[in-house]
Amino acid sequence: MASTSVSVRLPDEIMEKLEAQAKAEGIKVSDVVRRMIEAGLKPGGNADNSTISVRIDKLEETIRALLGVEDVSVLNRLDAVNADFWQANTELVSYLTKSIEAAAEARYFARLAAMFGLEIAHYVAQKVEIGKLPEPLNKGTKDKQVASYDNGSKKYAAEYLAELG
C-alpha cells in the first residue's frame, strides 16, 4: 500500500503523551499516531477505543510491578479469589433465604400452638356438667391473646437481635 508522509504540529504535552504511549507499547510514535488516525476514521470510531487493550496491559504490568511478580499467576489467583468470593456470597444468600423460610414456618406453627393451647386451657378450665359440651373460647378473647403472644415474640426477637448487633 502506498503511503504519504504528513507533518503535524502538536503541543509539547500531547507529544509527550504520544512518546510515553509508544515507549509503553515498544513501537514508534508514528505507529501510535497512524493507529489513532485509522481508528478515528472508522465509522463510529474513537481513537481511545484502539488503546483499551494497551491500557489493560499497562494496568496488569503496573499491578505486577506493585506486587513484585513477573507473571500473571497472581492475577489469576486474584481472579480465583474473586470467583470464590462470588460463590460464597451466592451460597450465603441461598442459606439466608432458607433460614427466613424456616423462621416464617416456625412462627406460623408457634402461632397455631398458641391458639390450640388457648382452646385446650379454656376447655380444661371450664366446669361442665356431664353430658354437656364446654363452650368454645370467645373469638375476640382468643384474638386478643394471640395478638399479645405475637407482640411478645416480636419484642423478644428485637431484643435478641439488638444483643447480637
N, C-alpha and C. Protein backbone atom coordinates (compact mmCIF):
# COMPACT_ATOMS: atom_id res chain seq x y z
N MET A 1 0.85 -1.17 0.00
CA MET A 1 0.00 0.00 0.00
C MET A 1 0.90 1.23 0.00
N ALA A 2 0.60 2.14 -0.87
CA ALA A 2 1.37 3.38 -0.96
C ALA A 2 1.03 4.26 0.22
N SER A 3 1.99 5.01 0.71
CA SER A 3 1.73 5.89 1.84
C SER A 3 2.33 7.26 1.58
N THR A 4 1.77 8.23 2.26
CA THR A 4 2.22 9.60 2.13
C THR A 4 2.57 10.11 3.51
N SER A 5 3.59 10.91 3.57
CA SER A 5 4.04 11.47 4.83
C SER A 5 3.31 12.79 5.08
N VAL A 6 2.92 13.00 6.34
CA VAL A 6 2.23 14.23 6.73
C VAL A 6 2.94 14.80 7.95
N SER A 7 3.15 16.09 7.96
CA SER A 7 3.74 16.75 9.12
C SER A 7 2.64 17.46 9.88
N VAL A 8 2.68 17.34 11.21
CA VAL A 8 1.67 17.98 12.04
C VAL A 8 2.37 18.63 13.21
N ARG A 9 1.94 19.83 13.55
CA ARG A 9 2.49 20.49 14.74
C ARG A 9 1.60 20.14 15.92
N LEU A 10 2.23 19.70 17.02
CA LEU A 10 1.50 19.31 18.23
C LEU A 10 2.07 20.03 19.43
N PRO A 11 1.22 20.34 20.39
CA PRO A 11 1.74 20.91 21.64
C PRO A 11 2.66 19.88 22.32
N ASP A 12 3.61 20.39 23.08
CA ASP A 12 4.60 19.52 23.74
C ASP A 12 3.94 18.46 24.63
N GLU A 13 2.88 18.84 25.34
CA GLU A 13 2.24 17.89 26.26
C GLU A 13 1.62 16.71 25.50
N ILE A 14 1.04 16.96 24.32
CA ILE A 14 0.47 15.86 23.53
C ILE A 14 1.59 14.98 22.99
N MET A 15 2.66 15.61 22.54
CA MET A 15 3.80 14.84 22.03
C MET A 15 4.40 13.96 23.13
N GLU A 16 4.47 14.49 24.34
CA GLU A 16 4.98 13.69 25.47
C GLU A 16 4.09 12.48 25.73
N LYS A 17 2.77 12.68 25.64
CA LYS A 17 1.84 11.56 25.83
C LYS A 17 2.01 10.52 24.73
N LEU A 18 2.16 10.97 23.50
CA LEU A 18 2.36 10.03 22.38
C LEU A 18 3.66 9.26 22.55
N GLU A 19 4.72 9.95 22.95
CA GLU A 19 6.01 9.28 23.17
C GLU A 19 5.93 8.27 24.30
N ALA A 20 5.22 8.63 25.38
CA ALA A 20 5.07 7.71 26.51
C ALA A 20 4.29 6.46 26.09
N GLN A 21 3.24 6.66 25.31
CA GLN A 21 2.45 5.52 24.85
C GLN A 21 3.27 4.64 23.92
N ALA A 22 4.01 5.25 23.01
CA ALA A 22 4.85 4.49 22.08
C ALA A 22 5.90 3.69 22.86
N LYS A 23 6.50 4.31 23.85
CA LYS A 23 7.51 3.62 24.66
C LYS A 23 6.88 2.44 25.41
N ALA A 24 5.69 2.66 25.98
CA ALA A 24 4.99 1.60 26.72
C ALA A 24 4.67 0.42 25.82
N GLU A 25 4.34 0.70 24.54
CA GLU A 25 3.97 -0.36 23.61
C GLU A 25 5.18 -0.91 22.85
N GLY A 26 6.31 -0.22 22.96
CA GLY A 26 7.51 -0.67 22.26
C GLY A 26 7.44 -0.44 20.76
N ILE A 27 6.78 0.64 20.34
CA ILE A 27 6.66 0.96 18.92
C ILE A 27 7.05 2.42 18.70
N LYS A 28 7.05 2.83 17.42
CA LYS A 28 7.39 4.22 17.10
C LYS A 28 6.18 5.13 17.32
N VAL A 29 6.48 6.40 17.56
CA VAL A 29 5.43 7.40 17.74
C VAL A 29 4.56 7.47 16.49
N SER A 30 5.17 7.36 15.32
CA SER A 30 4.39 7.43 14.08
C SER A 30 3.39 6.28 13.99
N ASP A 31 3.75 5.10 14.53
CA ASP A 31 2.82 3.96 14.52
C ASP A 31 1.62 4.24 15.44
N VAL A 32 1.88 4.86 16.59
CA VAL A 32 0.79 5.20 17.50
C VAL A 32 -0.15 6.20 16.84
N VAL A 33 0.41 7.24 16.23
CA VAL A 33 -0.40 8.27 15.57
C VAL A 33 -1.20 7.67 14.42
N ARG A 34 -0.55 6.81 13.60
CA ARG A 34 -1.24 6.17 12.47
C ARG A 34 -2.43 5.35 12.98
N ARG A 35 -2.21 4.57 14.02
CA ARG A 35 -3.29 3.73 14.57
C ARG A 35 -4.44 4.60 15.09
N MET A 36 -4.11 5.70 15.77
CA MET A 36 -5.16 6.59 16.28
C MET A 36 -5.95 7.22 15.15
N ILE A 37 -5.28 7.62 14.10
CA ILE A 37 -5.98 8.25 12.97
C ILE A 37 -6.88 7.22 12.29
N GLU A 38 -6.36 6.01 12.07
CA GLU A 38 -7.15 4.96 11.43
C GLU A 38 -8.38 4.62 12.27
N ALA A 39 -8.21 4.51 13.57
CA ALA A 39 -9.34 4.20 14.44
C ALA A 39 -10.34 5.33 14.45
N GLY A 40 -9.87 6.55 14.42
CA GLY A 40 -10.76 7.70 14.43
C GLY A 40 -11.55 7.86 13.14
N LEU A 41 -11.03 7.33 12.02
CA LEU A 41 -11.71 7.44 10.74
C LEU A 41 -12.72 6.32 10.49
N LYS A 42 -12.68 5.28 11.31
CA LYS A 42 -13.66 4.20 11.16
C LYS A 42 -15.03 4.72 11.55
N PRO A 43 -16.11 4.18 10.93
CA PRO A 43 -17.46 4.62 11.32
C PRO A 43 -17.68 4.38 12.81
N GLY A 44 -18.03 5.41 13.51
CA GLY A 44 -18.24 5.30 14.96
C GLY A 44 -16.94 5.10 15.70
N GLY A 45 -15.83 5.27 15.01
CA GLY A 45 -14.52 5.02 15.62
C GLY A 45 -14.13 6.09 16.60
N ASN A 46 -13.26 5.70 17.49
CA ASN A 46 -12.78 6.61 18.52
C ASN A 46 -11.34 6.23 18.79
N ALA A 47 -10.46 7.16 18.72
CA ALA A 47 -9.04 6.87 18.92
C ALA A 47 -8.80 6.21 20.27
N ASP A 48 -9.60 6.55 21.29
CA ASP A 48 -9.43 5.96 22.62
C ASP A 48 -9.75 4.47 22.63
N ASN A 49 -10.72 4.04 21.78
CA ASN A 49 -11.10 2.63 21.76
C ASN A 49 -9.94 1.73 21.35
N SER A 50 -9.09 2.22 20.46
CA SER A 50 -7.99 1.39 19.98
C SER A 50 -6.93 1.17 21.04
N THR A 51 -6.93 1.95 22.08
CA THR A 51 -5.88 1.83 23.09
C THR A 51 -6.37 1.13 24.36
N ILE A 52 -7.61 0.63 24.36
CA ILE A 52 -8.14 0.00 25.57
C ILE A 52 -7.31 -1.21 25.96
N SER A 53 -7.01 -2.09 24.98
CA SER A 53 -6.22 -3.28 25.33
C SER A 53 -4.83 -2.88 25.81
N VAL A 54 -4.28 -1.82 25.23
CA VAL A 54 -2.97 -1.35 25.67
C VAL A 54 -3.06 -0.86 27.11
N ARG A 55 -4.14 -0.16 27.43
CA ARG A 55 -4.34 0.33 28.80
C ARG A 55 -4.50 -0.82 29.78
N ILE A 56 -5.24 -1.86 29.38
CA ILE A 56 -5.40 -3.04 30.24
C ILE A 56 -4.05 -3.70 30.47
N ASP A 57 -3.28 -3.86 29.39
CA ASP A 57 -1.94 -4.45 29.53
C ASP A 57 -1.07 -3.61 30.46
N LYS A 58 -1.18 -2.30 30.33
CA LYS A 58 -0.40 -1.40 31.18
C LYS A 58 -0.83 -1.54 32.65
N LEU A 59 -2.15 -1.66 32.89
CA LEU A 59 -2.63 -1.86 34.25
C LEU A 59 -2.12 -3.17 34.84
N GLU A 60 -2.17 -4.24 34.03
CA GLU A 60 -1.65 -5.52 34.51
C GLU A 60 -0.16 -5.43 34.82
N GLU A 61 0.57 -4.72 33.97
CA GLU A 61 2.00 -4.54 34.19
C GLU A 61 2.25 -3.76 35.48
N THR A 62 1.44 -2.74 35.72
CA THR A 62 1.57 -1.94 36.94
C THR A 62 1.26 -2.78 38.17
N ILE A 63 0.20 -3.59 38.08
CA ILE A 63 -0.16 -4.46 39.21
C ILE A 63 0.97 -5.44 39.49
N ARG A 64 1.50 -6.04 38.42
CA ARG A 64 2.62 -6.97 38.61
C ARG A 64 3.81 -6.26 39.27
N ALA A 65 4.08 -5.05 38.84
CA ALA A 65 5.20 -4.30 39.42
C ALA A 65 4.95 -4.00 40.89
N LEU A 66 3.72 -3.60 41.22
CA LEU A 66 3.39 -3.29 42.61
C LEU A 66 3.45 -4.54 43.49
N LEU A 67 3.02 -5.67 42.93
CA LEU A 67 3.02 -6.90 43.71
C LEU A 67 4.39 -7.59 43.68
N GLY A 68 5.26 -7.12 42.81
CA GLY A 68 6.61 -7.70 42.74
C GLY A 68 6.63 -9.05 42.05
N VAL A 69 5.75 -9.26 41.09
CA VAL A 69 5.75 -10.53 40.36
C VAL A 69 5.96 -10.27 38.89
N GLU A 70 6.51 -11.28 38.22
CA GLU A 70 6.79 -11.14 36.80
C GLU A 70 5.80 -11.91 35.92
N ASP A 71 4.92 -12.69 36.52
CA ASP A 71 3.96 -13.44 35.70
C ASP A 71 2.54 -13.08 36.10
N VAL A 72 1.59 -13.65 35.42
CA VAL A 72 0.20 -13.33 35.69
C VAL A 72 -0.43 -14.28 36.69
N SER A 73 0.37 -15.13 37.32
CA SER A 73 -0.20 -16.10 38.27
C SER A 73 -0.92 -15.40 39.42
N VAL A 74 -0.38 -14.27 39.87
CA VAL A 74 -1.04 -13.53 40.95
C VAL A 74 -2.39 -13.01 40.47
N LEU A 75 -2.43 -12.49 39.25
CA LEU A 75 -3.70 -12.01 38.71
C LEU A 75 -4.69 -13.17 38.58
N ASN A 76 -4.19 -14.32 38.15
CA ASN A 76 -5.06 -15.49 38.06
C ASN A 76 -5.57 -15.90 39.43
N ARG A 77 -4.70 -15.81 40.44
CA ARG A 77 -5.12 -16.13 41.80
C ARG A 77 -6.15 -15.12 42.30
N LEU A 78 -5.94 -13.84 41.96
CA LEU A 78 -6.93 -12.82 42.35
C LEU A 78 -8.28 -13.10 41.69
N ASP A 79 -8.25 -13.49 40.41
CA ASP A 79 -9.49 -13.86 39.73
C ASP A 79 -10.15 -15.04 40.44
N ALA A 80 -9.35 -16.02 40.84
CA ALA A 80 -9.90 -17.20 41.54
C ALA A 80 -10.49 -16.80 42.88
N VAL A 81 -9.82 -15.89 43.60
CA VAL A 81 -10.35 -15.43 44.88
C VAL A 81 -11.68 -14.69 44.66
N ASN A 82 -11.74 -13.85 43.63
CA ASN A 82 -12.99 -13.16 43.32
C ASN A 82 -14.10 -14.15 42.99
N ALA A 83 -13.77 -15.19 42.23
CA ALA A 83 -14.78 -16.21 41.89
C ALA A 83 -15.23 -16.94 43.16
N ASP A 84 -14.28 -17.27 44.04
CA ASP A 84 -14.64 -17.93 45.30
C ASP A 84 -15.52 -17.03 46.15
N PHE A 85 -15.19 -15.74 46.19
CA PHE A 85 -15.97 -14.78 46.96
C PHE A 85 -17.39 -14.70 46.42
N TRP A 86 -17.51 -14.66 45.09
CA TRP A 86 -18.83 -14.60 44.46
C TRP A 86 -19.63 -15.85 44.81
N GLN A 87 -18.99 -17.02 44.72
CA GLN A 87 -19.67 -18.29 45.04
C GLN A 87 -20.11 -18.30 46.50
N ALA A 88 -19.24 -17.81 47.40
CA ALA A 88 -19.58 -17.78 48.83
C ALA A 88 -20.78 -16.87 49.07
N ASN A 89 -20.81 -15.73 48.40
CA ASN A 89 -21.95 -14.81 48.56
C ASN A 89 -23.24 -15.45 48.03
N THR A 90 -23.14 -16.15 46.92
CA THR A 90 -24.31 -16.83 46.37
C THR A 90 -24.83 -17.87 47.35
N GLU A 91 -23.93 -18.66 47.93
CA GLU A 91 -24.32 -19.67 48.91
C GLU A 91 -24.93 -19.02 50.16
N LEU A 92 -24.35 -17.90 50.58
CA LEU A 92 -24.86 -17.20 51.76
C LEU A 92 -26.28 -16.71 51.52
N VAL A 93 -26.54 -16.14 50.35
CA VAL A 93 -27.89 -15.67 50.03
C VAL A 93 -28.87 -16.84 50.04
N SER A 94 -28.44 -17.97 49.48
CA SER A 94 -29.30 -19.16 49.47
C SER A 94 -29.59 -19.63 50.90
N TYR A 95 -28.56 -19.65 51.74
CA TYR A 95 -28.71 -20.05 53.14
C TYR A 95 -29.65 -19.10 53.88
N LEU A 96 -29.46 -17.80 53.67
CA LEU A 96 -30.31 -16.82 54.34
C LEU A 96 -31.77 -16.95 53.90
N THR A 97 -31.98 -17.20 52.62
CA THR A 97 -33.34 -17.39 52.12
C THR A 97 -34.00 -18.58 52.80
N LYS A 98 -33.27 -19.69 52.89
CA LYS A 98 -33.82 -20.88 53.55
C LYS A 98 -34.07 -20.61 55.04
N SER A 99 -33.18 -19.86 55.67
CA SER A 99 -33.35 -19.53 57.08
C SER A 99 -34.60 -18.69 57.31
N ILE A 100 -34.83 -17.74 56.42
CA ILE A 100 -36.02 -16.88 56.54
C ILE A 100 -37.28 -17.72 56.37
N GLU A 101 -37.25 -18.64 55.40
CA GLU A 101 -38.41 -19.52 55.20
C GLU A 101 -38.66 -20.36 56.45
N ALA A 102 -37.58 -20.92 57.02
CA ALA A 102 -37.73 -21.74 58.22
C ALA A 102 -38.27 -20.92 59.39
N ALA A 103 -37.80 -19.69 59.52
CA ALA A 103 -38.28 -18.82 60.61
C ALA A 103 -39.76 -18.51 60.43
N ALA A 104 -40.18 -18.26 59.19
CA ALA A 104 -41.59 -17.98 58.93
C ALA A 104 -42.45 -19.20 59.26
N GLU A 105 -41.97 -20.39 58.88
CA GLU A 105 -42.71 -21.61 59.21
C GLU A 105 -42.78 -21.82 60.71
N ALA A 106 -41.66 -21.58 61.40
CA ALA A 106 -41.63 -21.76 62.85
C ALA A 106 -42.61 -20.80 63.52
N ARG A 107 -42.65 -19.58 63.04
CA ARG A 107 -43.58 -18.60 63.62
C ARG A 107 -45.03 -19.02 63.39
N TYR A 108 -45.31 -19.54 62.19
CA TYR A 108 -46.66 -19.99 61.89
C TYR A 108 -47.08 -21.11 62.84
N PHE A 109 -46.19 -22.11 63.02
CA PHE A 109 -46.54 -23.24 63.89
C PHE A 109 -46.59 -22.82 65.36
N ALA A 110 -45.78 -21.88 65.76
CA ALA A 110 -45.85 -21.38 67.14
C ALA A 110 -47.19 -20.68 67.38
N ARG A 111 -47.64 -19.96 66.37
CA ARG A 111 -48.94 -19.27 66.48
C ARG A 111 -50.08 -20.29 66.58
N LEU A 112 -49.99 -21.33 65.74
CA LEU A 112 -51.01 -22.38 65.81
C LEU A 112 -51.01 -23.05 67.19
N ALA A 113 -49.80 -23.34 67.70
CA ALA A 113 -49.70 -23.97 69.02
C ALA A 113 -50.30 -23.08 70.10
N ALA A 114 -50.05 -21.78 69.99
CA ALA A 114 -50.62 -20.85 70.98
C ALA A 114 -52.14 -20.85 70.91
N MET A 115 -52.69 -20.83 69.71
CA MET A 115 -54.16 -20.82 69.57
C MET A 115 -54.76 -22.12 70.10
N PHE A 116 -54.17 -23.26 69.74
CA PHE A 116 -54.71 -24.53 70.23
C PHE A 116 -54.52 -24.66 71.74
N GLY A 117 -53.39 -24.17 72.23
CA GLY A 117 -53.15 -24.19 73.67
C GLY A 117 -54.19 -23.38 74.42
N LEU A 118 -54.55 -22.23 73.88
CA LEU A 118 -55.59 -21.41 74.50
C LEU A 118 -56.93 -22.15 74.53
N GLU A 119 -57.28 -22.80 73.43
CA GLU A 119 -58.54 -23.55 73.36
C GLU A 119 -58.55 -24.67 74.40
N ILE A 120 -57.44 -25.42 74.47
CA ILE A 120 -57.37 -26.55 75.41
C ILE A 120 -57.46 -26.04 76.85
N ALA A 121 -56.71 -24.99 77.16
CA ALA A 121 -56.74 -24.44 78.52
C ALA A 121 -58.15 -23.96 78.87
N HIS A 122 -58.81 -23.35 77.90
CA HIS A 122 -60.18 -22.87 78.13
C HIS A 122 -61.12 -24.04 78.42
N TYR A 123 -61.04 -25.10 77.64
CA TYR A 123 -61.91 -26.27 77.85
C TYR A 123 -61.63 -26.93 79.19
N VAL A 124 -60.35 -27.06 79.55
CA VAL A 124 -59.98 -27.70 80.82
C VAL A 124 -60.45 -26.86 82.00
N ALA A 125 -60.39 -25.55 81.88
CA ALA A 125 -60.74 -24.66 82.98
C ALA A 125 -62.24 -24.60 83.25
N GLN A 126 -63.03 -25.02 82.28
CA GLN A 126 -64.49 -24.95 82.47
C GLN A 126 -64.99 -26.10 83.34
N LYS A 127 -65.95 -25.74 84.18
CA LYS A 127 -66.62 -26.77 84.97
C LYS A 127 -67.90 -27.08 84.22
N VAL A 128 -67.93 -28.24 83.62
CA VAL A 128 -69.06 -28.60 82.78
C VAL A 128 -69.75 -29.83 83.36
N GLU A 129 -71.02 -29.79 83.31
CA GLU A 129 -71.79 -30.96 83.77
C GLU A 129 -71.58 -32.11 82.80
N ILE A 130 -71.66 -33.28 83.31
CA ILE A 130 -71.50 -34.47 82.49
C ILE A 130 -72.60 -34.45 81.42
N GLY A 131 -72.18 -34.74 80.20
CA GLY A 131 -73.12 -34.79 79.10
C GLY A 131 -73.28 -33.48 78.36
N LYS A 132 -72.75 -32.38 78.91
CA LYS A 132 -72.81 -31.09 78.24
C LYS A 132 -71.46 -30.78 77.60
N LEU A 133 -71.49 -30.13 76.47
CA LEU A 133 -70.25 -29.72 75.81
C LEU A 133 -69.76 -28.39 76.39
N PRO A 134 -68.45 -28.25 76.55
CA PRO A 134 -67.93 -26.96 77.03
C PRO A 134 -68.11 -25.88 75.97
N GLU A 135 -68.16 -24.67 76.40
CA GLU A 135 -68.30 -23.53 75.49
C GLU A 135 -66.96 -23.25 74.83
N PRO A 136 -66.96 -22.97 73.53
CA PRO A 136 -65.69 -22.60 72.89
C PRO A 136 -65.22 -21.22 73.38
N LEU A 137 -63.95 -20.98 73.23
CA LEU A 137 -63.36 -19.70 73.63
C LEU A 137 -63.90 -18.60 72.73
N ASN A 138 -64.26 -17.49 73.33
CA ASN A 138 -64.76 -16.34 72.60
C ASN A 138 -63.70 -15.89 71.59
N LYS A 139 -64.09 -15.67 70.31
CA LYS A 139 -63.15 -15.30 69.25
C LYS A 139 -62.39 -14.01 69.58
N GLY A 140 -63.06 -13.02 70.11
CA GLY A 140 -62.40 -11.75 70.45
C GLY A 140 -61.34 -11.95 71.51
N THR A 141 -61.66 -12.75 72.55
CA THR A 141 -60.69 -13.03 73.61
C THR A 141 -59.49 -13.79 73.06
N LYS A 142 -59.79 -14.78 72.20
CA LYS A 142 -58.72 -15.58 71.61
C LYS A 142 -57.82 -14.69 70.73
N ASP A 143 -58.41 -13.85 69.90
CA ASP A 143 -57.63 -12.96 69.03
C ASP A 143 -56.75 -12.01 69.84
N LYS A 144 -57.29 -11.48 70.94
CA LYS A 144 -56.51 -10.58 71.81
C LYS A 144 -55.30 -11.31 72.39
N GLN A 145 -55.53 -12.52 72.88
CA GLN A 145 -54.45 -13.29 73.50
C GLN A 145 -53.37 -13.65 72.47
N VAL A 146 -53.77 -14.07 71.28
CA VAL A 146 -52.80 -14.41 70.23
C VAL A 146 -52.03 -13.17 69.80
N ALA A 147 -52.71 -12.03 69.70
CA ALA A 147 -52.03 -10.78 69.36
C ALA A 147 -51.00 -10.43 70.43
N SER A 148 -51.35 -10.66 71.69
CA SER A 148 -50.42 -10.42 72.78
C SER A 148 -49.18 -11.31 72.64
N TYR A 149 -49.40 -12.59 72.28
CA TYR A 149 -48.27 -13.51 72.05
C TYR A 149 -47.41 -13.03 70.88
N ASP A 150 -48.07 -12.60 69.80
CA ASP A 150 -47.33 -12.10 68.63
C ASP A 150 -46.45 -10.90 69.00
N ASN A 151 -47.04 -9.95 69.74
CA ASN A 151 -46.28 -8.76 70.15
C ASN A 151 -45.11 -9.15 71.06
N GLY A 152 -45.35 -10.09 71.96
CA GLY A 152 -44.28 -10.55 72.85
C GLY A 152 -43.16 -11.20 72.08
N SER A 153 -43.50 -12.01 71.06
CA SER A 153 -42.45 -12.67 70.27
C SER A 153 -41.66 -11.66 69.46
N LYS A 154 -42.34 -10.64 68.92
CA LYS A 154 -41.65 -9.59 68.17
C LYS A 154 -40.70 -8.82 69.08
N LYS A 155 -41.16 -8.50 70.28
CA LYS A 155 -40.33 -7.78 71.24
C LYS A 155 -39.11 -8.61 71.62
N TYR A 156 -39.32 -9.89 71.88
CA TYR A 156 -38.21 -10.79 72.24
C TYR A 156 -37.20 -10.87 71.09
N ALA A 157 -37.71 -11.01 69.85
CA ALA A 157 -36.82 -11.09 68.69
C ALA A 157 -36.01 -9.80 68.54
N ALA A 158 -36.64 -8.65 68.71
CA ALA A 158 -35.95 -7.37 68.58
C ALA A 158 -34.86 -7.23 69.63
N GLU A 159 -35.16 -7.62 70.88
CA GLU A 159 -34.17 -7.56 71.97
C GLU A 159 -33.00 -8.51 71.68
N TYR A 160 -33.31 -9.70 71.19
CA TYR A 160 -32.27 -10.69 70.89
C TYR A 160 -31.36 -10.18 69.77
N LEU A 161 -31.96 -9.63 68.72
CA LEU A 161 -31.16 -9.09 67.61
C LEU A 161 -30.33 -7.91 68.05
N ALA A 162 -30.86 -7.10 68.95
CA ALA A 162 -30.10 -5.94 69.46
C ALA A 162 -28.88 -6.42 70.25
N GLU A 163 -29.03 -7.52 71.00
CA GLU A 163 -27.89 -8.06 71.75
C GLU A 163 -26.82 -8.59 70.80
N LEU A 164 -27.23 -9.16 69.67
CA LEU A 164 -26.27 -9.69 68.70
C LEU A 164 -25.52 -8.59 67.99
N GLY A 165 -26.25 -7.49 67.70
CA GLY A 165 -25.67 -6.41 66.89
C GLY A 165 -24.79 -5.54 67.67
